[in-house]
PDB file of all heavy atoms in Angstrom:
ATOM      1  N   ALA A   1      -5.639   6.839   1.267  1.00  0.00           N
ATOM      2  CA  ALA A   1      -4.740   7.016   0.131  1.00  0.00           C
ATOM      3  C   ALA A   1      -5.463   7.682  -1.046  1.00  0.00           C
ATOM      4  O   ALA A   1      -6.608   7.327  -1.350  1.00  0.00           O
ATOM      5  CB  ALA A   1      -4.170   5.677  -0.305  1.00  0.00           C
ATOM      6  N   PRO A   2      -4.816   8.636  -1.744  1.00  0.00           N
ATOM      7  CA  PRO A   2      -5.460   9.296  -2.875  1.00  0.00           C
ATOM      8  C   PRO A   2      -5.471   8.456  -4.153  1.00  0.00           C
ATOM      9  O   PRO A   2      -6.256   8.708  -5.060  1.00  0.00           O
ATOM     10  CB  PRO A   2      -4.606  10.553  -3.058  1.00  0.00           C
ATOM     11  CG  PRO A   2      -3.251  10.171  -2.546  1.00  0.00           C
ATOM     12  CD  PRO A   2      -3.498   9.216  -1.419  1.00  0.00           C
ATOM     13  N   LEU A   3      -4.588   7.459  -4.224  1.00  0.00           N
ATOM     14  CA  LEU A   3      -4.473   6.636  -5.428  1.00  0.00           C
ATOM     15  C   LEU A   3      -5.386   5.419  -5.317  1.00  0.00           C
ATOM     16  O   LEU A   3      -5.348   4.678  -4.328  1.00  0.00           O
ATOM     17  CB  LEU A   3      -3.020   6.176  -5.596  1.00  0.00           C
ATOM     18  CG  LEU A   3      -2.685   5.369  -6.853  1.00  0.00           C
ATOM     19  CD1 LEU A   3      -2.784   6.254  -8.097  1.00  0.00           C
ATOM     20  CD2 LEU A   3      -1.294   4.764  -6.735  1.00  0.00           C
ATOM     21  N   GLY A   4      -6.223   5.211  -6.343  1.00  0.00           N
ATOM     22  CA  GLY A   4      -7.117   4.063  -6.349  1.00  0.00           C
ATOM     23  C   GLY A   4      -6.406   2.795  -6.811  1.00  0.00           C
ATOM     24  O   GLY A   4      -5.431   2.857  -7.572  1.00  0.00           O
ATOM     25  N   LEU A   5      -6.887   1.650  -6.377  1.00  0.00           N
ATOM     26  CA  LEU A   5      -6.289   0.370  -6.749  1.00  0.00           C
ATOM     27  C   LEU A   5      -6.209   0.202  -8.253  1.00  0.00           C
ATOM     28  O   LEU A   5      -5.213  -0.276  -8.792  1.00  0.00           O
ATOM     29  CB  LEU A   5      -7.104  -0.779  -6.138  1.00  0.00           C
ATOM     30  CG  LEU A   5      -6.692  -2.201  -6.520  1.00  0.00           C
ATOM     31  CD1 LEU A   5      -5.291  -2.514  -6.035  1.00  0.00           C
ATOM     32  CD2 LEU A   5      -7.689  -3.218  -5.951  1.00  0.00           C
ATOM     33  N   TRP A   6      -7.267   0.625  -8.966  1.00  0.00           N
ATOM     34  CA  TRP A   6      -7.306   0.428 -10.418  1.00  0.00           C
ATOM     35  C   TRP A   6      -6.253   1.269 -11.140  1.00  0.00           C
ATOM     36  O   TRP A   6      -5.962   1.017 -12.301  1.00  0.00           O
ATOM     37  CB  TRP A   6      -8.682   0.773 -10.988  1.00  0.00           C
ATOM     38  CG  TRP A   6      -9.852   0.493 -10.096  1.00  0.00           C
ATOM     39  CD1 TRP A   6     -10.902   1.329  -9.853  1.00  0.00           C
ATOM     40  CD2 TRP A   6     -10.143  -0.696  -9.350  1.00  0.00           C
ATOM     41  NE1 TRP A   6     -11.805   0.755  -8.995  1.00  0.00           N
ATOM     42  CE2 TRP A   6     -11.366  -0.498  -8.664  1.00  0.00           C
ATOM     43  CE3 TRP A   6      -9.480  -1.917  -9.184  1.00  0.00           C
ATOM     44  CZ2 TRP A   6     -11.939  -1.451  -7.832  1.00  0.00           C
ATOM     45  CZ3 TRP A   6     -10.041  -2.873  -8.345  1.00  0.00           C
ATOM     46  CH2 TRP A   6     -11.256  -2.639  -7.693  1.00  0.00           C
ATOM     47  N   GLU A   7      -5.695   2.281 -10.459  1.00  0.00           N
ATOM     48  CA  GLU A   7      -4.670   3.143 -11.062  1.00  0.00           C
ATOM     49  C   GLU A   7      -3.261   2.605 -10.862  1.00  0.00           C
ATOM     50  O   GLU A   7      -2.307   3.170 -11.396  1.00  0.00           O
ATOM     51  CB  GLU A   7      -4.766   4.543 -10.453  1.00  0.00           C
ATOM     52  CG  GLU A   7      -6.118   5.214 -10.635  1.00  0.00           C
ATOM     53  CD  GLU A   7      -6.220   6.517  -9.855  1.00  0.00           C
ATOM     54  OE1 GLU A   7      -5.753   7.557 -10.381  1.00  0.00           O
ATOM     55  OE2 GLU A   7      -6.729   6.490  -8.708  1.00  0.00           O
ATOM     56  N   CYS A   8      -3.111   1.562 -10.089  1.00  0.00           N
ATOM     57  CA  CYS A   8      -1.782   0.997  -9.809  1.00  0.00           C
ATOM     58  C   CYS A   8      -1.375   0.017 -10.907  1.00  0.00           C
ATOM     59  O   CYS A   8      -2.205  -0.745 -11.401  1.00  0.00           O
ATOM     60  CB  CYS A   8      -1.785   0.266  -8.468  1.00  0.00           C
ATOM     61  SG  CYS A   8      -2.171   1.279  -7.035  1.00  0.00           S
ATOM     62  N   ASP A   9      -0.103   0.059 -11.273  1.00  0.00           N
ATOM     63  CA  ASP A   9       0.436  -0.935 -12.198  1.00  0.00           C
ATOM     64  C   ASP A   9       0.936  -2.107 -11.364  1.00  0.00           C
ATOM     65  O   ASP A   9       1.988  -2.038 -10.723  1.00  0.00           O
ATOM     66  CB  ASP A   9       1.575  -0.336 -13.014  1.00  0.00           C
ATOM     67  CG  ASP A   9       2.105  -1.298 -14.067  1.00  0.00           C
ATOM     68  OD1 ASP A   9       1.683  -2.479 -14.064  1.00  0.00           O
ATOM     69  OD2 ASP A   9       2.941  -0.885 -14.888  1.00  0.00           O
ATOM     70  N   LEU A  10       0.195  -3.189 -11.386  1.00  0.00           N
ATOM     71  CA  LEU A  10       0.485  -4.335 -10.534  1.00  0.00           C
ATOM     72  C   LEU A  10       1.125  -5.487 -11.305  1.00  0.00           C
ATOM     73  O   LEU A  10       1.187  -6.605 -10.810  1.00  0.00           O
ATOM     74  CB  LEU A  10      -0.805  -4.808  -9.858  1.00  0.00           C
ATOM     75  CG  LEU A  10      -1.516  -3.730  -9.028  1.00  0.00           C
ATOM     76  CD1 LEU A  10      -2.882  -4.228  -8.549  1.00  0.00           C
ATOM     77  CD2 LEU A  10      -0.662  -3.308  -7.839  1.00  0.00           C
ATOM     78  N   ARG A  11       1.606  -5.176 -12.509  1.00  0.00           N
ATOM     79  CA  ARG A  11       2.277  -6.204 -13.304  1.00  0.00           C
ATOM     80  C   ARG A  11       3.730  -6.355 -12.893  1.00  0.00           C
ATOM     81  O   ARG A  11       4.360  -7.375 -13.178  1.00  0.00           O
ATOM     82  CB  ARG A  11       2.190  -5.850 -14.793  1.00  0.00           C
ATOM     83  CG  ARG A  11       0.769  -5.823 -15.333  1.00  0.00           C
ATOM     84  CD  ARG A  11       0.698  -5.168 -16.696  1.00  0.00           C
ATOM     85  NE  ARG A  11       1.053  -3.760 -16.612  1.00  0.00           N
ATOM     86  CZ  ARG A  11       1.122  -2.946 -17.664  1.00  0.00           C
ATOM     87  NH1 ARG A  11       0.878  -3.424 -18.877  1.00  0.00           N
ATOM     88  NH2 ARG A  11       1.442  -1.677 -17.510  1.00  0.00           N
ATOM     89  N   GLN A  12       4.301  -5.356 -12.242  1.00  0.00           N
ATOM     90  CA  GLN A  12       5.667  -5.411 -11.756  1.00  0.00           C
ATOM     91  C   GLN A  12       5.744  -6.312 -10.515  1.00  0.00           C
ATOM     92  O   GLN A  12       4.716  -6.735  -9.991  1.00  0.00           O
ATOM     93  CB  GLN A  12       6.116  -3.998 -11.386  1.00  0.00           C
ATOM     94  CG  GLN A  12       5.270  -3.377 -10.269  1.00  0.00           C
ATOM     95  CD  GLN A  12       5.625  -1.954  -9.986  1.00  0.00           C
ATOM     96  OE1 GLN A  12       6.789  -1.625  -9.827  1.00  0.00           O
ATOM     97  NE2 GLN A  12       4.628  -1.075  -9.924  1.00  0.00           N
ATOM     98  N   PRO A  13       6.956  -6.623 -10.030  1.00  0.00           N
ATOM     99  CA  PRO A  13       7.056  -7.363  -8.764  1.00  0.00           C
ATOM    100  C   PRO A  13       6.402  -6.569  -7.631  1.00  0.00           C
ATOM    101  O   PRO A  13       6.792  -5.442  -7.344  1.00  0.00           O
ATOM    102  CB  PRO A  13       8.568  -7.495  -8.559  1.00  0.00           C
ATOM    103  CG  PRO A  13       9.134  -7.450  -9.941  1.00  0.00           C
ATOM    104  CD  PRO A  13       8.269  -6.470 -10.686  1.00  0.00           C
ATOM    105  N   VAL A  14       5.387  -7.134  -7.008  1.00  0.00           N
ATOM    106  CA  VAL A  14       4.527  -6.391  -6.081  1.00  0.00           C
ATOM    107  C   VAL A  14       4.330  -7.168  -4.787  1.00  0.00           C
ATOM    108  O   VAL A  14       4.227  -8.401  -4.789  1.00  0.00           O
ATOM    109  CB  VAL A  14       3.146  -6.122  -6.739  1.00  0.00           C
ATOM    110  CG1 VAL A  14       2.091  -5.747  -5.708  1.00  0.00           C
ATOM    111  CG2 VAL A  14       3.263  -5.024  -7.783  1.00  0.00           C
ATOM    112  N   ALA A  15       4.252  -6.422  -3.686  1.00  0.00           N
ATOM    113  CA  ALA A  15       3.796  -6.959  -2.407  1.00  0.00           C
ATOM    114  C   ALA A  15       2.551  -6.184  -1.999  1.00  0.00           C
ATOM    115  O   ALA A  15       2.585  -4.954  -1.903  1.00  0.00           O
ATOM    116  CB  ALA A  15       4.875  -6.828  -1.337  1.00  0.00           C
ATOM    117  N   ILE A  16       1.454  -6.882  -1.800  1.00  0.00           N
ATOM    118  CA  ILE A  16       0.228  -6.270  -1.295  1.00  0.00           C
ATOM    119  C   ILE A  16       0.273  -6.330   0.228  1.00  0.00           C
ATOM    120  O   ILE A  16       0.384  -7.413   0.811  1.00  0.00           O
ATOM    121  CB  ILE A  16      -1.018  -7.007  -1.823  1.00  0.00           C
ATOM    122  CG1 ILE A  16      -1.123  -6.854  -3.340  1.00  0.00           C
ATOM    123  CG2 ILE A  16      -2.280  -6.489  -1.137  1.00  0.00           C
ATOM    124  CD1 ILE A  16      -1.340  -5.438  -3.817  1.00  0.00           C
ATOM    125  N   CYS A  17       0.207  -5.155   0.872  1.00  0.00           N
ATOM    126  CA  CYS A  17       0.366  -5.071   2.322  1.00  0.00           C
ATOM    127  C   CYS A  17      -0.966  -4.691   2.972  1.00  0.00           C
ATOM    128  O   CYS A  17      -1.528  -3.630   2.663  1.00  0.00           O
ATOM    129  CB  CYS A  17       1.431  -4.038   2.688  1.00  0.00           C
ATOM    130  SG  CYS A  17       3.040  -4.349   1.909  1.00  0.00           S
ATOM    131  N   ILE A  18      -1.446  -5.550   3.855  1.00  0.00           N
ATOM    132  CA  ILE A  18      -2.722  -5.367   4.542  1.00  0.00           C
ATOM    133  C   ILE A  18      -2.458  -5.203   6.034  1.00  0.00           C
ATOM    134  O   ILE A  18      -1.708  -5.994   6.624  1.00  0.00           O
ATOM    135  CB  ILE A  18      -3.659  -6.565   4.312  1.00  0.00           C
ATOM    136  CG1 ILE A  18      -3.787  -6.882   2.813  1.00  0.00           C
ATOM    137  CG2 ILE A  18      -5.023  -6.307   4.948  1.00  0.00           C
ATOM    138  CD1 ILE A  18      -4.429  -5.789   1.998  1.00  0.00           C
ATOM    139  N   GLY A  19      -3.079  -4.194   6.652  1.00  0.00           N
ATOM    140  CA  GLY A  19      -2.796  -3.890   8.042  1.00  0.00           C
ATOM    141  C   GLY A  19      -3.762  -4.496   9.037  1.00  0.00           C
ATOM    142  O   GLY A  19      -4.719  -5.183   8.681  1.00  0.00           O
ATOM    143  N   ASN A  20      -3.480  -4.220  10.280  1.00  0.00           N
ATOM    144  CA  ASN A  20      -4.281  -4.659  11.417  1.00  0.00           C
ATOM    145  C   ASN A  20      -5.747  -4.271  11.250  1.00  0.00           C
ATOM    146  O   ASN A  20      -6.063  -3.198  10.738  1.00  0.00           O
ATOM    147  CB  ASN A  20      -3.694  -4.024  12.686  1.00  0.00           C
ATOM    148  CG  ASN A  20      -4.494  -4.285  13.923  1.00  0.00           C
ATOM    149  OD1 ASN A  20      -5.442  -3.572  14.211  1.00  0.00           O
ATOM    150  ND2 ASN A  20      -4.119  -5.299  14.670  1.00  0.00           N
ATOM    151  N   GLU A  21      -6.656  -5.161  11.675  1.00  0.00           N
ATOM    152  CA  GLU A  21      -8.087  -4.973  11.475  1.00  0.00           C
ATOM    153  C   GLU A  21      -8.608  -3.668  12.077  1.00  0.00           C
ATOM    154  O   GLU A  21      -9.555  -3.069  11.565  1.00  0.00           O
ATOM    155  CB  GLU A  21      -8.860  -6.142  12.090  1.00  0.00           C
ATOM    156  CG  GLU A  21      -8.668  -7.462  11.374  1.00  0.00           C
ATOM    157  CD  GLU A  21      -7.568  -8.301  11.978  1.00  0.00           C
ATOM    158  OE1 GLU A  21      -6.660  -7.727  12.646  1.00  0.00           O
ATOM    159  OE2 GLU A  21      -7.571  -9.514  11.787  1.00  0.00           O
ATOM    160  N   THR A  22      -7.991  -3.203  13.164  1.00  0.00           N
ATOM    161  CA  THR A  22      -8.458  -1.994  13.846  1.00  0.00           C
ATOM    162  C   THR A  22      -7.638  -0.763  13.489  1.00  0.00           C
ATOM    163  O   THR A  22      -8.188   0.306  13.211  1.00  0.00           O
ATOM    164  CB  THR A  22      -8.414  -2.190  15.378  1.00  0.00           C
ATOM    165  OG1 THR A  22      -9.198  -3.337  15.726  1.00  0.00           O
ATOM    166  CG2 THR A  22      -8.967  -0.972  16.097  1.00  0.00           C
ATOM    167  N   ARG A  23      -6.315  -0.912  13.444  1.00  0.00           N
ATOM    168  CA  ARG A  23      -5.425   0.241  13.293  1.00  0.00           C
ATOM    169  C   ARG A  23      -4.838   0.397  11.896  1.00  0.00           C
ATOM    170  O   ARG A  23      -4.205   1.401  11.598  1.00  0.00           O
ATOM    171  CB  ARG A  23      -4.286   0.160  14.307  1.00  0.00           C
ATOM    172  CG  ARG A  23      -4.780   0.080  15.749  1.00  0.00           C
ATOM    173  CD  ARG A  23      -3.619  -0.082  16.708  1.00  0.00           C
ATOM    174  NE  ARG A  23      -4.081  -0.255  18.078  1.00  0.00           N
ATOM    175  CZ  ARG A  23      -4.423  -1.419  18.608  1.00  0.00           C
ATOM    176  NH1 ARG A  23      -4.350  -2.522  17.863  1.00  0.00           N
ATOM    177  NH2 ARG A  23      -4.826  -1.519  19.855  1.00  0.00           N
ATOM    178  N   GLY A  24      -5.012  -0.568  11.044  1.00  0.00           N
ATOM    179  CA  GLY A  24      -4.425  -0.490   9.716  1.00  0.00           C
ATOM    180  C   GLY A  24      -2.919  -0.671   9.759  1.00  0.00           C
ATOM    181  O   GLY A  24      -2.365  -1.253  10.695  1.00  0.00           O
ATOM    182  N   LEU A  25      -2.222  -0.137   8.766  1.00  0.00           N
ATOM    183  CA  LEU A  25      -0.773  -0.299   8.670  1.00  0.00           C
ATOM    184  C   LEU A  25       0.005   0.700   9.516  1.00  0.00           C
ATOM    185  O   LEU A  25       1.155   0.468   9.866  1.00  0.00           O
ATOM    186  CB  LEU A  25      -0.321  -0.172   7.205  1.00  0.00           C
ATOM    187  CG  LEU A  25      -0.612  -1.372   6.316  1.00  0.00           C
ATOM    188  CD1 LEU A  25      -0.366  -1.023   4.861  1.00  0.00           C
ATOM    189  CD2 LEU A  25       0.246  -2.570   6.715  1.00  0.00           C
ATOM    190  N   GLY A  26      -0.583   1.845   9.833  1.00  0.00           N
ATOM    191  CA  GLY A  26       0.144   2.856  10.585  1.00  0.00           C
ATOM    192  C   GLY A  26       1.339   3.374   9.802  1.00  0.00           C
ATOM    193  O   GLY A  26       1.357   3.378   8.570  1.00  0.00           O
ATOM    194  N   ASP A  27       2.374   3.794  10.526  1.00  0.00           N
ATOM    195  CA  ASP A  27       3.564   4.376   9.882  1.00  0.00           C
ATOM    196  C   ASP A  27       4.652   3.342   9.637  1.00  0.00           C
ATOM    197  O   ASP A  27       5.708   3.672   9.095  1.00  0.00           O
ATOM    198  CB  ASP A  27       4.133   5.500  10.762  1.00  0.00           C
ATOM    199  CG  ASP A  27       3.192   6.693  10.847  1.00  0.00           C
ATOM    200  OD1 ASP A  27       2.463   6.924   9.860  1.00  0.00           O
ATOM    201  OD2 ASP A  27       3.183   7.377  11.888  1.00  0.00           O
ATOM    202  N   ARG A  28       4.400   2.111  10.027  1.00  0.00           N
ATOM    203  CA  ARG A  28       5.436   1.091   9.942  1.00  0.00           C
ATOM    204  C   ARG A  28       5.830   0.770   8.507  1.00  0.00           C
ATOM    205  O   ARG A  28       6.944   0.325   8.243  1.00  0.00           O
ATOM    206  CB  ARG A  28       4.952  -0.180  10.647  1.00  0.00           C
ATOM    207  CG  ARG A  28       4.804  -0.013  12.137  1.00  0.00           C
ATOM    208  CD  ARG A  28       3.722  -0.919  12.721  1.00  0.00           C
ATOM    209  NE  ARG A  28       3.839  -2.315  12.340  1.00  0.00           N
ATOM    210  CZ  ARG A  28       4.544  -3.218  13.026  1.00  0.00           C
ATOM    211  NH1 ARG A  28       5.198  -2.854  14.104  1.00  0.00           N
ATOM    212  NH2 ARG A  28       4.581  -4.471  12.629  1.00  0.00           N
ATOM    213  N   TRP A  29       4.921   0.976   7.563  1.00  0.00           N
ATOM    214  CA  TRP A  29       5.203   0.669   6.172  1.00  0.00           C
ATOM    215  C   TRP A  29       5.290   1.919   5.311  1.00  0.00           C
ATOM    216  O   TRP A  29       5.082   1.861   4.105  1.00  0.00           O
ATOM    217  CB  TRP A  29       4.145  -0.282   5.613  1.00  0.00           C
ATOM    218  CG  TRP A  29       4.363  -1.691   6.056  1.00  0.00           C
ATOM    219  CD1 TRP A  29       3.814  -2.315   7.131  1.00  0.00           C
ATOM    220  CD2 TRP A  29       5.242  -2.638   5.442  1.00  0.00           C
ATOM    221  NE1 TRP A  29       4.278  -3.597   7.230  1.00  0.00           N
ATOM    222  CE2 TRP A  29       5.154  -3.831   6.207  1.00  0.00           C
ATOM    223  CE3 TRP A  29       6.089  -2.604   4.334  1.00  0.00           C
ATOM    224  CZ2 TRP A  29       5.893  -4.974   5.894  1.00  0.00           C
ATOM    225  CZ3 TRP A  29       6.806  -3.737   4.018  1.00  0.00           C
ATOM    226  CH2 TRP A  29       6.707  -4.908   4.786  1.00  0.00           C
ATOM    227  N   ARG A  30       5.634   3.042   5.917  1.00  0.00           N
ATOM    228  CA  ARG A  30       5.838   4.280   5.143  1.00  0.00           C
ATOM    229  C   ARG A  30       7.323   4.435   4.825  1.00  0.00           C
ATOM    230  O   ARG A  30       8.152   4.627   5.715  1.00  0.00           O
ATOM    231  CB  ARG A  30       5.353   5.498   5.928  1.00  0.00           C
ATOM    232  CG  ARG A  30       3.849   5.522   6.157  1.00  0.00           C
ATOM    233  CD  ARG A  30       3.381   6.871   6.644  1.00  0.00           C
ATOM    234  NE  ARG A  30       1.993   6.860   7.065  1.00  0.00           N
ATOM    235  CZ  ARG A  30       0.957   6.966   6.233  1.00  0.00           C
ATOM    236  NH1 ARG A  30       1.167   7.087   4.937  1.00  0.00           N
ATOM    237  NH2 ARG A  30      -0.283   6.947   6.703  1.00  0.00           N
ATOM    238  N   ASP A  31       7.664   4.327   3.551  1.00  0.00           N
ATOM    239  CA  ASP A  31       9.028   4.621   3.112  1.00  0.00           C
ATOM    240  C   ASP A  31       8.976   5.083   1.664  1.00  0.00           C
ATOM    241  O   ASP A  31       7.917   5.117   1.040  1.00  0.00           O
ATOM    242  CB  ASP A  31       9.954   3.409   3.296  1.00  0.00           C
ATOM    243  CG  ASP A  31       9.548   2.212   2.445  1.00  0.00           C
ATOM    244  OD1 ASP A  31       9.254   2.397   1.248  1.00  0.00           O
ATOM    245  OD2 ASP A  31       9.538   1.085   2.972  1.00  0.00           O
ATOM    246  N   ALA A  32      10.131   5.433   1.138  1.00  0.00           N
ATOM    247  CA  ALA A  32      10.179   6.043  -0.194  1.00  0.00           C
ATOM    248  C   ALA A  32       9.728   5.084  -1.287  1.00  0.00           C
ATOM    249  O   ALA A  32       9.268   5.516  -2.351  1.00  0.00           O
ATOM    250  CB  ALA A  32      11.599   6.536  -0.479  1.00  0.00           C
ATOM    251  N   ARG A  33       9.844   3.775  -1.059  1.00  0.00           N
ATOM    252  CA  ARG A  33       9.498   2.805  -2.085  1.00  0.00           C
ATOM    253  C   ARG A  33       8.015   2.442  -2.081  1.00  0.00           C
ATOM    254  O   ARG A  33       7.467   2.024  -3.091  1.00  0.00           O
ATOM    255  CB  ARG A  33      10.317   1.525  -1.891  1.00  0.00           C
ATOM    256  CG  ARG A  33      11.819   1.705  -2.018  1.00  0.00           C
ATOM    257  CD  ARG A  33      12.563   0.403  -1.758  1.00  0.00           C
ATOM    258  NE  ARG A  33      12.179  -0.614  -2.730  1.00  0.00           N
ATOM    259  CZ  ARG A  33      11.440  -1.674  -2.450  1.00  0.00           C
ATOM    260  NH1 ARG A  33      10.974  -1.846  -1.224  1.00  0.00           N
ATOM    261  NH2 ARG A  33      11.161  -2.562  -3.378  1.00  0.00           N
ATOM    262  N   ALA A  34       7.377   2.571  -0.930  1.00  0.00           N
ATOM    263  CA  ALA A  34       6.002   2.091  -0.790  1.00  0.00           C
ATOM    264  C   ALA A  34       5.010   2.966  -1.545  1.00  0.00           C
ATOM    265  O   ALA A  34       5.151   4.198  -1.595  1.00  0.00           O
ATOM    266  CB  ALA A  34       5.624   2.026   0.688  1.00  0.00           C
ATOM    267  N   ILE A  35       4.013   2.333  -2.120  1.00  0.00           N
ATOM    268  CA  ILE A  35       2.923   3.030  -2.812  1.00  0.00           C
ATOM    269  C   ILE A  35       1.633   2.766  -2.041  1.00  0.00           C
ATOM    270  O   ILE A  35       1.239   1.619  -1.853  1.00  0.00           O
ATOM    271  CB  ILE A  35       2.786   2.533  -4.266  1.00  0.00           C
ATOM    272  CG1 ILE A  35       4.049   2.874  -5.052  1.00  0.00           C
ATOM    273  CG2 ILE A  35       1.547   3.130  -4.931  1.00  0.00           C
ATOM    274  CD1 ILE A  35       4.063   2.304  -6.461  1.00  0.00           C
ATOM    275  N   ASP A  36       1.003   3.849  -1.589  1.00  0.00           N
ATOM    276  CA  ASP A  36      -0.269   3.719  -0.873  1.00  0.00           C
ATOM    277  C   ASP A  36      -1.426   3.720  -1.870  1.00  0.00           C
ATOM    278  O   ASP A  36      -1.428   4.494  -2.831  1.00  0.00           O
ATOM    279  CB  ASP A  36      -0.451   4.877   0.109  1.00  0.00           C
ATOM    280  CG  ASP A  36       0.549   4.833   1.249  1.00  0.00           C
ATOM    281  OD1 ASP A  36       1.199   3.789   1.436  1.00  0.00           O
ATOM    282  OD2 ASP A  36       0.686   5.852   1.963  1.00  0.00           O
ATOM    283  N   TYR A  37      -2.406   2.879  -1.638  1.00  0.00           N
ATOM    284  CA  TYR A  37      -3.580   2.840  -2.509  1.00  0.00           C
ATOM    285  C   TYR A  37      -4.828   2.601  -1.666  1.00  0.00           C
ATOM    286  O   TYR A  37      -4.760   2.124  -0.523  1.00  0.00           O
ATOM    287  CB  TYR A  37      -3.445   1.738  -3.568  1.00  0.00           C
ATOM    288  CG  TYR A  37      -3.621   0.340  -3.013  1.00  0.00           C
ATOM    289  CD1 TYR A  37      -4.887  -0.271  -2.982  1.00  0.00           C
ATOM    290  CD2 TYR A  37      -2.541  -0.388  -2.506  1.00  0.00           C
ATOM    291  CE1 TYR A  37      -5.058  -1.549  -2.466  1.00  0.00           C
ATOM    292  CE2 TYR A  37      -2.708  -1.663  -1.989  1.00  0.00           C
ATOM    293  CZ  TYR A  37      -3.968  -2.233  -1.969  1.00  0.00           C
ATOM    294  OH  TYR A  37      -4.144  -3.488  -1.449  1.00  0.00           O
TER     295      TYR A  37
END
């Protein structure tokens, strides 16, 4: 992801999404609302 964690505004209602230890999140959590960091 090009956006660093420190650049995210996390004061809003937020879900932190962590992926599989080997494969990460993949495409399953890619949608218009999601923010990658």
